[in-house]
Amino acid sequence: MDIVFILLFITIFCVALFDFTNGFHDAADMVATAIASRAMTPTSAILIVTLFTFIAPFLIGLTVADTIGTFVDISGIPIIEAQSIVLGGILSAITYNLVTWKYGLPTSSSNALIGGLIGAGLYGIGNHSIHWGWEAFINGDLEGVMKIIVGLFFSPIAGFVVGFLLMKLFMKLFSRLTFKSRKFFIWSQYLSISWLGFSHGANDAQKGMGIIAMILFASGYTSHFSVPDWVIILCASSITIGTLFGGWSIIKTLGYEIIKVKLIHSFTDQIGSAFINSFATSIGAPTSTTQVVTATLIGIGGAEKPKHVRWKVAFKIVSNWFTNIPISIGLGALYTMILITILSQG
């Protein structure tokens, strides 16, 4: 069998596996507060998030997929080398996802993927292969890596600010509500968590689509960068199946170890996170649902009673975000070196 076809099949399988790990990573983040506040049962929360995660990619454009699939230029190089670069980046992201899931850390699948691809591209081709977007950024435009950085690094900041402001607003608006209002917040979360699941599917599921479109083009199976319908179905299904499994260790960390989550916290977190994700998707910027949800929750806790936030846990989570991309870059380069070395001897 043709080695090009075999590598293509392996890479597509690994993208589906990455989306699966992305799904159970992010599902845990999305449902953690709803479960911790006892607004929903774990089964109900995960099923709702799963449904809307699956629906979203079919209704939203593919601007995020275009951003992810084009910032590393693998055109014009040998097919085997191009496939090794893409596969090396994906393996890096899968490795990081599995290790952090094992230890219950709410980390970014998106950062792991971007870092892995950058490391793979730098080793396999060199700095010139990366569309950094510096010139466009100086001129006030967002392209390439700079567009990704803005989406991934500024979205948690925005999440913290939005969570803080929304909590302050809701504390004033709902200050006179009695225990009877509990039903309102429970039912409202069926809407807010649906929106959050939809925003997750609209943004995160597109990352795998962009990678498969990249490898299909590099392998000569498409004449230009495009996302076939079957790729949308595969990635949406993979991330949905992963969402169904959830990540209970991450749910424990986010739902119980940062603040004591109440109904209003859960509702506010879902609304704020869904808004940030939706805005980023509208401009084609990838976000990390994990980072957005976590940062929004920290902002909520800080707005209500800062001393009730377990800042040591929050700092541990946030500090891990800063090591995510460097570690993933190293892993991406390592996997690519191994693949190119092995395949060049074949």
C-alpha atoms as a PDB file:
ATOM      1  CA  MET A   1       0.000   0.000   0.000  1.00  0.00           C
ATOM      2  CA  ASP A   2       1.210   3.514  -0.813  1.00  0.00           C
ATOM      3  CA  ILE A   3       3.084   5.076   2.154  1.00  0.00           C
ATOM      4  CA  VAL A   4       1.478   8.442   1.373  1.00  0.00           C
ATOM      5  CA  PHE A   5      -1.994   6.942   1.773  1.00  0.00           C
ATOM      6  CA  ILE A   6      -0.995   5.109   4.965  1.00  0.00           C
ATOM      7  CA  LEU A   7       0.361   8.299   6.558  1.00  0.00           C
ATOM      8  CA  LEU A   8      -2.710  10.208   5.431  1.00  0.00           C
ATOM      9  CA  PHE A   9      -4.975   7.630   7.078  1.00  0.00           C
ATOM     10  CA  ILE A  10      -2.909   7.648  10.290  1.00  0.00           C
ATOM     11  CA  THR A  11      -2.956  11.446  10.434  1.00  0.00           C
ATOM     12  CA  ILE A  12      -6.727  11.660   9.931  1.00  0.00           C
ATOM     13  CA  PHE A  13      -7.195   9.015  12.632  1.00  0.00           C
ATOM     14  CA  CYS A  14      -4.948  11.029  14.983  1.00  0.00           C
ATOM     15  CA  VAL A  15      -6.913  14.217  14.279  1.00  0.00           C
ATOM     16  CA  ALA A  16     -10.099  12.368  15.226  1.00  0.00           C
ATOM     17  CA  LEU A  17      -8.344  11.147  18.380  1.00  0.00           C
ATOM     18  CA  PHE A  18      -7.223  14.704  19.175  1.00  0.00           C
ATOM     19  CA  ASP A  19     -10.802  15.932  18.775  1.00  0.00           C
ATOM     20  CA  PHE A  20     -11.927  13.139  21.089  1.00  0.00           C
ATOM     21  CA  THR A  21      -9.452  14.218  23.791  1.00  0.00           C
ATOM     22  CA  ASN A  22     -10.416  17.836  23.159  1.00  0.00           C
ATOM     23  CA  GLY A  23     -14.050  16.877  23.694  1.00  0.00           C
ATOM     24  CA  PHE A  24     -13.637  15.228  27.070  1.00  0.00           C
ATOM     25  CA  HIS A  25     -11.251  17.977  28.210  1.00  0.00           C
ATOM     26  CA  ASP A  26     -13.640  20.799  27.322  1.00  0.00           C
ATOM     27  CA  ALA A  27     -16.832  18.953  28.253  1.00  0.00           C
ATOM     28  CA  ALA A  28     -15.552  18.756  31.806  1.00  0.00           C
ATOM     29  CA  ASP A  29     -15.009  22.511  31.867  1.00  0.00           C
ATOM     30  CA  MET A  30     -18.416  23.300  30.409  1.00  0.00           C
ATOM     31  CA  VAL A  31     -20.474  21.122  32.721  1.00  0.00           C
ATOM     32  CA  ALA A  32     -18.408  21.474  35.916  1.00  0.00           C
ATOM     33  CA  THR A  33     -20.232  24.475  37.356  1.00  0.00           C
ATOM     34  CA  ALA A  34     -23.697  23.173  36.424  1.00  0.00           C
ATOM     35  CA  ILE A  35     -22.931  19.928  38.246  1.00  0.00           C
ATOM     36  CA  ALA A  36     -21.243  21.592  41.228  1.00  0.00           C
ATOM     37  CA  SER A  37     -24.178  23.995  41.706  1.00  0.00           C
ATOM     38  CA  ARG A  38     -26.587  21.036  41.493  1.00  0.00           C
ATOM     39  CA  ALA A  39     -28.540  22.738  38.743  1.00  0.00           C
ATOM     40  CA  MET A  40     -28.266  19.620  36.576  1.00  0.00           C
ATOM     41  CA  THR A  41     -27.353  15.999  36.833  1.00  0.00           C
ATOM     42  CA  PRO A  42     -24.076  15.049  35.128  1.00  0.00           C
ATOM     43  CA  THR A  43     -25.979  13.068  32.498  1.00  0.00           C
ATOM     44  CA  SER A  44     -28.293  15.953  31.578  1.00  0.00           C
ATOM     45  CA  ALA A  45     -25.489  18.508  31.410  1.00  0.00           C
ATOM     46  CA  ILE A  46     -23.219  16.348  29.259  1.00  0.00           C
ATOM     47  CA  LEU A  47     -26.026  15.340  26.869  1.00  0.00           C
ATOM     48  CA  ILE A  48     -27.036  18.974  26.295  1.00  0.00           C
ATOM     49  CA  VAL A  49     -23.450  20.085  25.710  1.00  0.00           C
ATOM     50  CA  THR A  50     -22.898  17.126  23.403  1.00  0.00           C
ATOM     51  CA  LEU A  51     -25.969  17.876  21.287  1.00  0.00           C
ATOM     52  CA  PHE A  52     -25.111  21.525  20.712  1.00  0.00           C
ATOM     53  CA  THR A  53     -21.414  20.806  20.209  1.00  0.00           C
ATOM     54  CA  PHE A  54     -22.399  18.533  17.332  1.00  0.00           C
ATOM     55  CA  ILE A  55     -24.904  20.931  15.762  1.00  0.00           C
ATOM     56  CA  ALA A  56     -22.699  24.032  15.727  1.00  0.00           C
ATOM     57  CA  PRO A  57     -20.102  23.133  13.048  1.00  0.00           C
ATOM     58  CA  PHE A  58     -22.856  22.592  10.473  1.00  0.00           C
ATOM     59  CA  LEU A  59     -24.413  26.011  11.078  1.00  0.00           C
ATOM     60  CA  ILE A  60     -21.343  28.236  11.483  1.00  0.00           C
ATOM     61  CA  GLY A  61     -18.782  29.157   8.824  1.00  0.00           C
ATOM     62  CA  LEU A  62     -15.258  27.734   8.734  1.00  0.00           C
ATOM     63  CA  THR A  63     -13.203  30.857   9.470  1.00  0.00           C
ATOM     64  CA  VAL A  64     -11.447  29.239  12.437  1.00  0.00           C
ATOM     65  CA  ALA A  65     -10.545  26.183  10.319  1.00  0.00           C
ATOM     66  CA  ASP A  66      -9.018  28.508   7.718  1.00  0.00           C
ATOM     67  CA  THR A  67      -6.927  30.230  10.399  1.00  0.00           C
ATOM     68  CA  ILE A  68      -5.630  26.971  11.904  1.00  0.00           C
ATOM     69  CA  GLY A  69      -5.023  25.211   8.588  1.00  0.00           C
ATOM     70  CA  THR A  70      -2.987  27.940   6.911  1.00  0.00           C
ATOM     71  CA  PHE A  71      -0.583  29.416   9.461  1.00  0.00           C
ATOM     72  CA  VAL A  72       2.044  26.735   8.745  1.00  0.00           C
ATOM     73  CA  ASP A  73       2.949  26.628   5.047  1.00  0.00           C
ATOM     74  CA  ILE A  74       3.700  23.056   3.999  1.00  0.00           C
ATOM     75  CA  SER A  75       3.159  23.589   0.285  1.00  0.00           C
ATOM     76  CA  GLY A  76       6.020  22.891  -2.099  1.00  0.00           C
ATOM     77  CA  ILE A  77       7.850  20.396   0.130  1.00  0.00           C
ATOM     78  CA  PRO A  78       8.034  16.579  -0.252  1.00  0.00           C
ATOM     79  CA  ILE A  79       4.726  14.926   0.667  1.00  0.00           C
ATOM     80  CA  ILE A  80       6.214  12.583   3.276  1.00  0.00           C
ATOM     81  CA  GLU A  81       7.900  15.517   5.010  1.00  0.00           C
ATOM     82  CA  ALA A  82       4.690  17.545   4.961  1.00  0.00           C
ATOM     83  CA  GLN A  83       2.731  14.640   6.419  1.00  0.00           C
ATOM     84  CA  SER A  84       5.370  14.156   9.121  1.00  0.00           C
ATOM     85  CA  ILE A  85       5.034  17.797  10.165  1.00  0.00           C
ATOM     86  CA  VAL A  86       1.252  17.628  10.491  1.00  0.00           C
ATOM     87  CA  LEU A  87       1.328  14.255  12.248  1.00  0.00           C
ATOM     88  CA  GLY A  88       4.088  15.444  14.614  1.00  0.00           C
ATOM     89  CA  GLY A  89       1.996  18.471  15.625  1.00  0.00           C
ATOM     90  CA  ILE A  90      -1.086  16.338  16.261  1.00  0.00           C
ATOM     91  CA  LEU A  91       0.803  13.736  18.314  1.00  0.00           C
ATOM     92  CA  SER A  92       2.202  16.532  20.464  1.00  0.00           C
ATOM     93  CA  ALA A  93      -1.279  17.869  21.213  1.00  0.00           C
ATOM     94  CA  ILE A  94      -2.681  14.405  21.989  1.00  0.00           C
ATOM     95  CA  THR A  95       0.204  13.691  24.379  1.00  0.00           C
ATOM     96  CA  TYR A  96      -0.293  16.958  26.237  1.00  0.00           C
ATOM     97  CA  ASN A  97      -4.054  16.445  26.467  1.00  0.00           C
ATOM     98  CA  LEU A  98      -3.740  12.957  27.907  1.00  0.00           C
ATOM     99  CA  VAL A  99      -1.091  13.866  30.485  1.00  0.00           C
ATOM    100  CA  THR A 100      -2.967  16.936  31.784  1.00  0.00           C
ATOM    101  CA  TRP A 101      -6.272  15.014  31.824  1.00  0.00           C
ATOM    102  CA  LYS A 102      -4.587  12.297  33.909  1.00  0.00           C
ATOM    103  CA  TYR A 103      -3.679  14.898  36.550  1.00  0.00           C
ATOM    104  CA  GLY A 104      -7.014  16.742  36.383  1.00  0.00           C
ATOM    105  CA  LEU A 105      -5.592  19.985  35.014  1.00  0.00           C
ATOM    106  CA  PRO A 106      -7.952  22.220  32.978  1.00  0.00           C
ATOM    107  CA  THR A 107      -5.501  23.027  30.181  1.00  0.00           C
ATOM    108  CA  SER A 108      -5.889  24.208  26.617  1.00  0.00           C
ATOM    109  CA  SER A 109      -6.168  21.686  23.790  1.00  0.00           C
ATOM    110  CA  SER A 110      -5.936  24.625  21.397  1.00  0.00           C
ATOM    111  CA  ASN A 111      -2.625  25.847  22.811  1.00  0.00           C
ATOM    112  CA  ALA A 112      -1.270  22.299  22.683  1.00  0.00           C
ATOM    113  CA  LEU A 113      -2.237  21.993  19.019  1.00  0.00           C
ATOM    114  CA  ILE A 114      -0.835  25.370  18.009  1.00  0.00           C
ATOM    115  CA  GLY A 115       2.396  24.795  19.897  1.00  0.00           C
ATOM    116  CA  GLY A 116       2.775  21.318  18.410  1.00  0.00           C
ATOM    117  CA  LEU A 117       2.324  22.605  14.856  1.00  0.00           C
ATOM    118  CA  ILE A 118       4.753  25.483  15.379  1.00  0.00           C
ATOM    119  CA  GLY A 119       7.403  23.114  16.757  1.00  0.00           C
ATOM    120  CA  ALA A 120       6.822  20.653  13.918  1.00  0.00           C
ATOM    121  CA  GLY A 121       7.012  23.410  11.307  1.00  0.00           C
ATOM    122  CA  LEU A 122      10.145  24.950  12.785  1.00  0.00           C
ATOM    123  CA  TYR A 123      11.960  21.612  12.821  1.00  0.00           C
ATOM    124  CA  GLY A 124      10.655  20.292   9.510  1.00  0.00           C
ATOM    125  CA  ILE A 125      10.957  23.400   7.337  1.00  0.00           C
ATOM    126  CA  GLY A 126      12.200  26.338   9.352  1.00  0.00           C
ATOM    127  CA  ASN A 127      11.064  29.733  10.555  1.00  0.00           C
ATOM    128  CA  HIS A 128      10.030  30.885   7.078  1.00  0.00           C
ATOM    129  CA  SER A 129       7.287  28.221   7.018  1.00  0.00           C
ATOM    130  CA  ILE A 130       5.379  29.899   9.837  1.00  0.00           C
ATOM    131  CA  HIS A 131       3.020  32.717   8.927  1.00  0.00           C
ATOM    132  CA  TRP A 132       3.685  34.803  12.024  1.00  0.00           C
ATOM    133  CA  GLY A 133       1.632  37.816  10.882  1.00  0.00           C
ATOM    134  CA  TRP A 134       3.987  40.429  12.349  1.00  0.00           C
ATOM    135  CA  GLU A 135       3.665  42.908   9.475  1.00  0.00           C
ATOM    136  CA  ALA A 136      -0.107  42.659   9.394  1.00  0.00           C
ATOM    137  CA  PHE A 137      -0.230  43.138  13.166  1.00  0.00           C
ATOM    138  CA  ILE A 138       1.865  46.319  12.922  1.00  0.00           C
ATOM    139  CA  ASN A 139      -0.597  47.592  10.322  1.00  0.00           C
ATOM    140  CA  GLY A 140      -3.558  46.854  12.568  1.00  0.00           C
ATOM    141  CA  ASP A 141      -4.639  43.556  10.994  1.00  0.00           C
ATOM    142  CA  LEU A 142      -4.719  40.059  12.457  1.00  0.00           C
ATOM    143  CA  GLU A 143      -3.261  37.191  10.450  1.00  0.00           C
ATOM    144  CA  GLY A 144      -1.464  33.912  11.027  1.00  0.00           C
ATOM    145  CA  VAL A 145       0.046  33.211  14.436  1.00  0.00           C
ATOM    146  CA  MET A 146      -0.709  36.715  15.728  1.00  0.00           C
ATOM    147  CA  LYS A 147      -4.415  36.129  15.115  1.00  0.00           C
ATOM    148  CA  ILE A 148      -4.175  32.868  17.019  1.00  0.00           C
ATOM    149  CA  ILE A 149      -2.248  34.474  19.871  1.00  0.00           C
ATOM    150  CA  VAL A 150      -4.817  37.239  20.223  1.00  0.00           C
ATOM    151  CA  GLY A 151      -7.608  34.666  20.343  1.00  0.00           C
ATOM    152  CA  LEU A 152      -5.925  32.278  22.759  1.00  0.00           C
ATOM    153  CA  PHE A 153      -4.181  34.710  25.099  1.00  0.00           C
ATOM    154  CA  PHE A 154      -6.622  37.593  25.235  1.00  0.00           C
ATOM    155  CA  SER A 155      -9.758  35.461  25.536  1.00  0.00           C
ATOM    156  CA  PRO A 156      -8.936  34.357  29.120  1.00  0.00           C
ATOM    157  CA  ILE A 157      -8.332  37.999  30.072  1.00  0.00           C
ATOM    158  CA  ALA A 158     -11.632  38.909  28.474  1.00  0.00           C
ATOM    159  CA  GLY A 159     -13.247  35.986  30.297  1.00  0.00           C
ATOM    160  CA  PHE A 160     -11.996  37.232  33.673  1.00  0.00           C
ATOM    161  CA  VAL A 161     -13.191  40.790  32.983  1.00  0.00           C
ATOM    162  CA  VAL A 162     -16.586  39.688  31.634  1.00  0.00           C
ATOM    163  CA  GLY A 163     -17.076  37.271  34.536  1.00  0.00           C
ATOM    164  CA  PHE A 164     -16.179  39.984  37.060  1.00  0.00           C
ATOM    165  CA  LEU A 165     -18.479  42.613  35.507  1.00  0.00           C
ATOM    166  CA  LEU A 166     -21.388  40.231  34.936  1.00  0.00           C
ATOM    167  CA  MET A 167     -21.207  39.012  38.520  1.00  0.00           C
ATOM    168  CA  LYS A 168     -21.220  42.577  39.853  1.00  0.00           C
ATOM    169  CA  LEU A 169     -24.235  43.352  37.641  1.00  0.00           C
ATOM    170  CA  PHE A 170     -26.162  40.222  38.609  1.00  0.00           C
ATOM    171  CA  MET A 171     -25.441  40.755  42.303  1.00  0.00           C
ATOM    172  CA  LYS A 172     -27.204  44.115  42.045  1.00  0.00           C
ATOM    173  CA  LEU A 173     -30.037  42.923  39.830  1.00  0.00           C
ATOM    174  CA  PHE A 174     -30.796  39.807  41.854  1.00  0.00           C
ATOM    175  CA  SER A 175     -29.959  41.053  45.354  1.00  0.00           C
ATOM    176  CA  ARG A 176     -33.579  40.897  46.500  1.00  0.00           C
ATOM    177  CA  LEU A 177     -34.463  37.534  45.063  1.00  0.00           C
ATOM    178  CA  THR A 178     -35.610  34.842  47.459  1.00  0.00           C
ATOM    179  CA  PHE A 179     -35.088  31.096  47.509  1.00  0.00           C
ATOM    180  CA  LYS A 180     -38.084  30.769  45.201  1.00  0.00           C
ATOM    181  CA  SER A 181     -35.956  32.200  42.384  1.00  0.00           C
ATOM    182  CA  ARG A 182     -33.879  29.023  42.430  1.00  0.00           C
ATOM    183  CA  LYS A 183     -36.124  27.458  39.759  1.00  0.00           C
ATOM    184  CA  PHE A 184     -35.449  30.413  37.456  1.00  0.00           C
ATOM    185  CA  PHE A 185     -31.678  29.906  37.638  1.00  0.00           C
ATOM    186  CA  ILE A 186     -31.995  26.166  37.172  1.00  0.00           C
ATOM    187  CA  TRP A 187     -34.110  26.451  34.042  1.00  0.00           C
ATOM    188  CA  SER A 188     -32.092  29.372  32.671  1.00  0.00           C
ATOM    189  CA  GLN A 189     -29.016  27.173  32.713  1.00  0.00           C
ATOM    190  CA  TYR A 190     -30.545  24.839  30.172  1.00  0.00           C
ATOM    191  CA  LEU A 191     -30.333  27.803  27.785  1.00  0.00           C
ATOM    192  CA  SER A 192     -26.941  29.097  28.912  1.00  0.00           C
ATOM    193  CA  ILE A 193     -25.222  25.709  28.827  1.00  0.00           C
ATOM    194  CA  SER A 194     -26.751  25.053  25.383  1.00  0.00           C
ATOM    195  CA  TRP A 195     -25.220  28.313  24.147  1.00  0.00           C
ATOM    196  CA  LEU A 196     -21.881  27.389  25.711  1.00  0.00           C
ATOM    197  CA  GLY A 197     -21.943  23.965  24.032  1.00  0.00           C
ATOM    198  CA  PHE A 198     -22.837  25.567  20.708  1.00  0.00           C
ATOM    199  CA  SER A 199     -20.007  28.105  20.994  1.00  0.00           C
ATOM    200  CA  HIS A 200     -17.608  25.267  21.807  1.00  0.00           C
ATOM    201  CA  GLY A 201     -18.603  23.268  18.744  1.00  0.00           C
ATOM    202  CA  ALA A 202     -18.441  26.351  16.528  1.00  0.00           C
ATOM    203  CA  ASN A 203     -14.861  27.109  17.546  1.00  0.00           C
ATOM    204  CA  ASP A 204     -13.057  24.009  18.821  1.00  0.00           C
ATOM    205  CA  ALA A 205     -14.385  21.470  16.320  1.00  0.00           C
ATOM    206  CA  GLN A 206     -13.042  23.607  13.472  1.00  0.00           C
ATOM    207  CA  LYS A 207      -9.438  23.137  14.572  1.00  0.00           C
ATOM    208  CA  GLY A 208      -9.382  19.481  13.547  1.00  0.00           C
ATOM    209  CA  MET A 209     -11.122  20.366  10.288  1.00  0.00           C
ATOM    210  CA  GLY A 210      -8.356  22.820   9.447  1.00  0.00           C
ATOM    211  CA  ILE A 211      -5.665  20.207  10.120  1.00  0.00           C
ATOM    212  CA  ILE A 212      -7.301  17.545   7.928  1.00  0.00           C
ATOM    213  CA  ALA A 213      -7.805  20.090   5.148  1.00  0.00           C
ATOM    214  CA  MET A 214      -4.105  20.931   5.461  1.00  0.00           C
ATOM    215  CA  ILE A 215      -2.975  17.307   5.190  1.00  0.00           C
ATOM    216  CA  LEU A 216      -5.341  16.552   2.277  1.00  0.00           C
ATOM    217  CA  PHE A 217      -3.862  19.478   0.359  1.00  0.00           C
ATOM    218  CA  ALA A 218      -0.282  18.513   1.249  1.00  0.00           C
ATOM    219  CA  SER A 219      -0.920  14.916   0.166  1.00  0.00           C
ATOM    220  CA  GLY A 220      -2.300  15.993  -3.200  1.00  0.00           C
ATOM    221  CA  TYR A 221      -5.850  14.787  -2.559  1.00  0.00           C
ATOM    222  CA  THR A 222      -7.288  18.295  -2.966  1.00  0.00           C
ATOM    223  CA  SER A 223      -6.180  20.994  -5.395  1.00  0.00           C
ATOM    224  CA  HIS A 224      -6.470  23.785  -2.817  1.00  0.00           C
ATOM    225  CA  PHE A 225      -7.104  24.270   0.886  1.00  0.00           C
ATOM    226  CA  SER A 226     -10.735  23.341   1.532  1.00  0.00           C
ATOM    227  CA  VAL A 227     -12.824  21.452   4.079  1.00  0.00           C
ATOM    228  CA  PRO A 228     -14.909  18.614   2.559  1.00  0.00           C
ATOM    229  CA  ASP A 229     -18.278  17.750   4.095  1.00  0.00           C
ATOM    230  CA  TRP A 230     -17.061  14.379   5.388  1.00  0.00           C
ATOM    231  CA  VAL A 231     -14.339  16.170   7.367  1.00  0.00           C
ATOM    232  CA  ILE A 232     -16.954  18.325   9.099  1.00  0.00           C
ATOM    233  CA  ILE A 233     -18.918  15.200  10.013  1.00  0.00           C
ATOM    234  CA  LEU A 234     -15.822  13.344  11.253  1.00  0.00           C
ATOM    235  CA  CYS A 235     -14.530  16.179  13.447  1.00  0.00           C
ATOM    236  CA  ALA A 236     -17.952  17.086  14.808  1.00  0.00           C
ATOM    237  CA  SER A 237     -18.607  13.439  15.647  1.00  0.00           C
ATOM    238  CA  SER A 238     -15.204  12.906  17.267  1.00  0.00           C
ATOM    239  CA  ILE A 239     -15.398  15.931  19.524  1.00  0.00           C
ATOM    240  CA  THR A 240     -18.997  15.022  20.363  1.00  0.00           C
ATOM    241  CA  ILE A 241     -18.115  11.463  21.369  1.00  0.00           C
ATOM    242  CA  GLY A 242     -15.311  12.837  23.520  1.00  0.00           C
ATOM    243  CA  THR A 243     -17.760  15.246  25.111  1.00  0.00           C
ATOM    244  CA  LEU A 244     -20.028  12.330  26.043  1.00  0.00           C
ATOM    245  CA  PHE A 245     -17.249  10.765  28.090  1.00  0.00           C
ATOM    246  CA  GLY A 246     -16.398  13.907  30.053  1.00  0.00           C
ATOM    247  CA  GLY A 247     -13.394  14.244  32.312  1.00  0.00           C
ATOM    248  CA  TRP A 248     -14.378  13.732  35.932  1.00  0.00           C
ATOM    249  CA  SER A 249     -11.009  14.659  37.410  1.00  0.00           C
ATOM    250  CA  ILE A 250     -11.206  18.024  35.630  1.00  0.00           C
ATOM    251  CA  ILE A 251     -14.828  18.492  36.743  1.00  0.00           C
ATOM    252  CA  LYS A 252     -13.660  18.030  40.321  1.00  0.00           C
ATOM    253  CA  THR A 253     -10.899  20.635  39.937  1.00  0.00           C
ATOM    254  CA  LEU A 254     -12.974  23.304  38.227  1.00  0.00           C
ATOM    255  CA  GLY A 255     -16.317  22.697  39.917  1.00  0.00           C
ATOM    256  CA  TYR A 256     -15.169  22.275  43.501  1.00  0.00           C
ATOM    257  CA  GLU A 257     -11.628  23.534  44.049  1.00  0.00           C
ATOM    258  CA  ILE A 258     -11.627  27.181  42.845  1.00  0.00           C
ATOM    259  CA  ILE A 259     -14.755  28.572  44.518  1.00  0.00           C
ATOM    260  CA  LYS A 260     -17.833  27.112  46.149  1.00  0.00           C
ATOM    261  CA  VAL A 261     -20.092  27.216  43.107  1.00  0.00           C
ATOM    262  CA  LYS A 262     -23.666  28.434  43.514  1.00  0.00           C
ATOM    263  CA  LEU A 263     -26.425  28.679  40.921  1.00  0.00           C
ATOM    264  CA  ILE A 264     -25.706  32.313  40.085  1.00  0.00           C
ATOM    265  CA  HIS A 265     -22.013  31.508  39.611  1.00  0.00           C
ATOM    266  CA  SER A 266     -22.777  28.688  37.208  1.00  0.00           C
ATOM    267  CA  PHE A 267     -25.260  30.754  35.192  1.00  0.00           C
ATOM    268  CA  THR A 268     -22.867  33.714  34.980  1.00  0.00           C
ATOM    269  CA  ASP A 269     -19.927  31.528  34.005  1.00  0.00           C
ATOM    270  CA  GLN A 270     -21.826  29.901  31.151  1.00  0.00           C
ATOM    271  CA  ILE A 271     -23.184  33.178  29.789  1.00  0.00           C
ATOM    272  CA  GLY A 272     -19.825  34.961  29.962  1.00  0.00           C
ATOM    273  CA  SER A 273     -17.852  32.078  28.446  1.00  0.00           C
ATOM    274  CA  ALA A 274     -20.346  31.530  25.627  1.00  0.00           C
ATOM    275  CA  PHE A 275     -20.208  35.232  24.751  1.00  0.00           C
ATOM    276  CA  ILE A 276     -16.393  35.256  24.539  1.00  0.00           C
ATOM    277  CA  ASN A 277     -16.316  32.095  22.411  1.00  0.00           C
ATOM    278  CA  SER A 278     -19.021  33.374  20.063  1.00  0.00           C
ATOM    279  CA  PHE A 279     -17.314  36.716  19.528  1.00  0.00           C
ATOM    280  CA  ALA A 280     -13.958  35.079  18.800  1.00  0.00           C
ATOM    281  CA  THR A 281     -15.557  32.670  16.323  1.00  0.00           C
ATOM    282  CA  SER A 282     -17.175  35.590  14.489  1.00  0.00           C
ATOM    283  CA  ILE A 283     -13.720  37.011  13.678  1.00  0.00           C
ATOM    284  CA  GLY A 284     -12.129  33.625  12.972  1.00  0.00           C
ATOM    285  CA  ALA A 285      -9.938  33.621  16.092  1.00  0.00           C
ATOM    286  CA  PRO A 286      -9.481  30.303  17.908  1.00  0.00           C
ATOM    287  CA  THR A 287     -10.130  30.247  21.642  1.00  0.00           C
ATOM    288  CA  SER A 288      -9.573  27.736  24.398  1.00  0.00           C
ATOM    289  CA  THR A 289     -12.929  26.911  25.976  1.00  0.00           C
ATOM    290  CA  THR A 290     -11.003  25.557  28.954  1.00  0.00           C
ATOM    291  CA  GLN A 291      -9.183  28.820  29.554  1.00  0.00           C
ATOM    292  CA  VAL A 292     -12.238  30.982  28.941  1.00  0.00           C
ATOM    293  CA  VAL A 293     -14.480  29.013  31.325  1.00  0.00           C
ATOM    294  CA  THR A 294     -11.813  28.872  34.034  1.00  0.00           C
ATOM    295  CA  ALA A 295     -10.844  32.551  33.783  1.00  0.00           C
ATOM    296  CA  THR A 296     -14.500  33.604  33.812  1.00  0.00           C
ATOM    297  CA  LEU A 297     -15.105  31.567  36.962  1.00  0.00           C
ATOM    298  CA  ILE A 298     -12.093  33.148  38.675  1.00  0.00           C
ATOM    299  CA  GLY A 299     -13.431  36.592  37.709  1.00  0.00           C
ATOM    300  CA  ILE A 300     -16.816  35.684  39.184  1.00  0.00           C
ATOM    301  CA  GLY A 301     -15.247  34.615  42.454  1.00  0.00           C
ATOM    302  CA  GLY A 302     -13.137  37.752  42.583  1.00  0.00           C
ATOM    303  CA  ALA A 303     -16.198  39.945  42.033  1.00  0.00           C
ATOM    304  CA  GLU A 304     -18.195  38.365  44.839  1.00  0.00           C
ATOM    305  CA  LYS A 305     -15.679  37.611  47.598  1.00  0.00           C
ATOM    306  CA  PRO A 306     -12.004  37.503  46.620  1.00  0.00           C
ATOM    307  CA  LYS A 307     -11.045  35.764  49.861  1.00  0.00           C
ATOM    308  CA  HIS A 308     -13.324  32.849  48.982  1.00  0.00           C
ATOM    309  CA  VAL A 309     -11.331  32.119  45.816  1.00  0.00           C
ATOM    310  CA  ARG A 310      -8.758  29.385  46.289  1.00  0.00           C
ATOM    311  CA  TRP A 311      -6.035  31.438  44.661  1.00  0.00           C
ATOM    312  CA  LYS A 312      -3.400  28.743  45.066  1.00  0.00           C
ATOM    313  CA  VAL A 313      -5.437  26.384  42.887  1.00  0.00           C
ATOM    314  CA  ALA A 314      -6.226  29.173  40.421  1.00  0.00           C
ATOM    315  CA  PHE A 315      -2.542  30.128  40.181  1.00  0.00           C
ATOM    316  CA  LYS A 316      -1.570  26.494  39.571  1.00  0.00           C
ATOM    317  CA  ILE A 317      -4.042  26.263  36.695  1.00  0.00           C
ATOM    318  CA  VAL A 318      -3.095  29.594  35.129  1.00  0.00           C
ATOM    319  CA  SER A 319       0.661  29.014  35.463  1.00  0.00           C
ATOM    320  CA  ASN A 320       0.216  25.769  33.543  1.00  0.00           C
ATOM    321  CA  TRP A 321      -1.187  27.748  30.612  1.00  0.00           C
ATOM    322  CA  PHE A 322       2.150  29.548  30.197  1.00  0.00           C
ATOM    323  CA  THR A 323       4.089  26.285  29.927  1.00  0.00           C
ATOM    324  CA  ASN A 324       1.576  24.703  27.548  1.00  0.00           C
ATOM    325  CA  ILE A 325       2.829  26.165  24.271  1.00  0.00           C
ATOM    326  CA  PRO A 326       6.601  25.876  24.995  1.00  0.00           C
ATOM    327  CA  ILE A 327       6.244  22.223  26.008  1.00  0.00           C
ATOM    328  CA  SER A 328       4.036  21.519  22.975  1.00  0.00           C
ATOM    329  CA  ILE A 329       6.551  23.206  20.659  1.00  0.00           C
ATOM    330  CA  GLY A 330       9.257  20.909  21.997  1.00  0.00           C
ATOM    331  CA  LEU A 331       7.062  17.825  21.658  1.00  0.00           C
ATOM    332  CA  GLY A 332       6.042  18.808  18.121  1.00  0.00           C
ATOM    333  CA  ALA A 333       9.678  19.176  17.076  1.00  0.00           C
ATOM    334  CA  LEU A 334      10.599  15.877  18.768  1.00  0.00           C
ATOM    335  CA  TYR A 335       7.826  13.865  17.128  1.00  0.00           C
ATOM    336  CA  THR A 336       8.591  15.410  13.721  1.00  0.00           C
ATOM    337  CA  MET A 337      12.290  14.604  14.070  1.00  0.00           C
ATOM    338  CA  ILE A 338      11.446  10.979  14.904  1.00  0.00           C
ATOM    339  CA  LEU A 339       8.990  10.642  12.020  1.00  0.00           C
ATOM    340  CA  ILE A 340      11.272  12.242   9.415  1.00  0.00           C
ATOM    341  CA  THR A 341      14.221  10.145  10.612  1.00  0.00           C
ATOM    342  CA  ILE A 342      12.274   6.888  10.416  1.00  0.00           C
ATOM    343  CA  LEU A 343      10.498   7.609   7.130  1.00  0.00           C
ATOM    344  CA  SER A 344      13.625   8.891   5.389  1.00  0.00           C
ATOM    345  CA  GLN A 345      15.226   5.491   5.986  1.00  0.00           C
ATOM    346  CA  GLY A 346      12.241   3.636   4.546  1.00  0.00           C
END
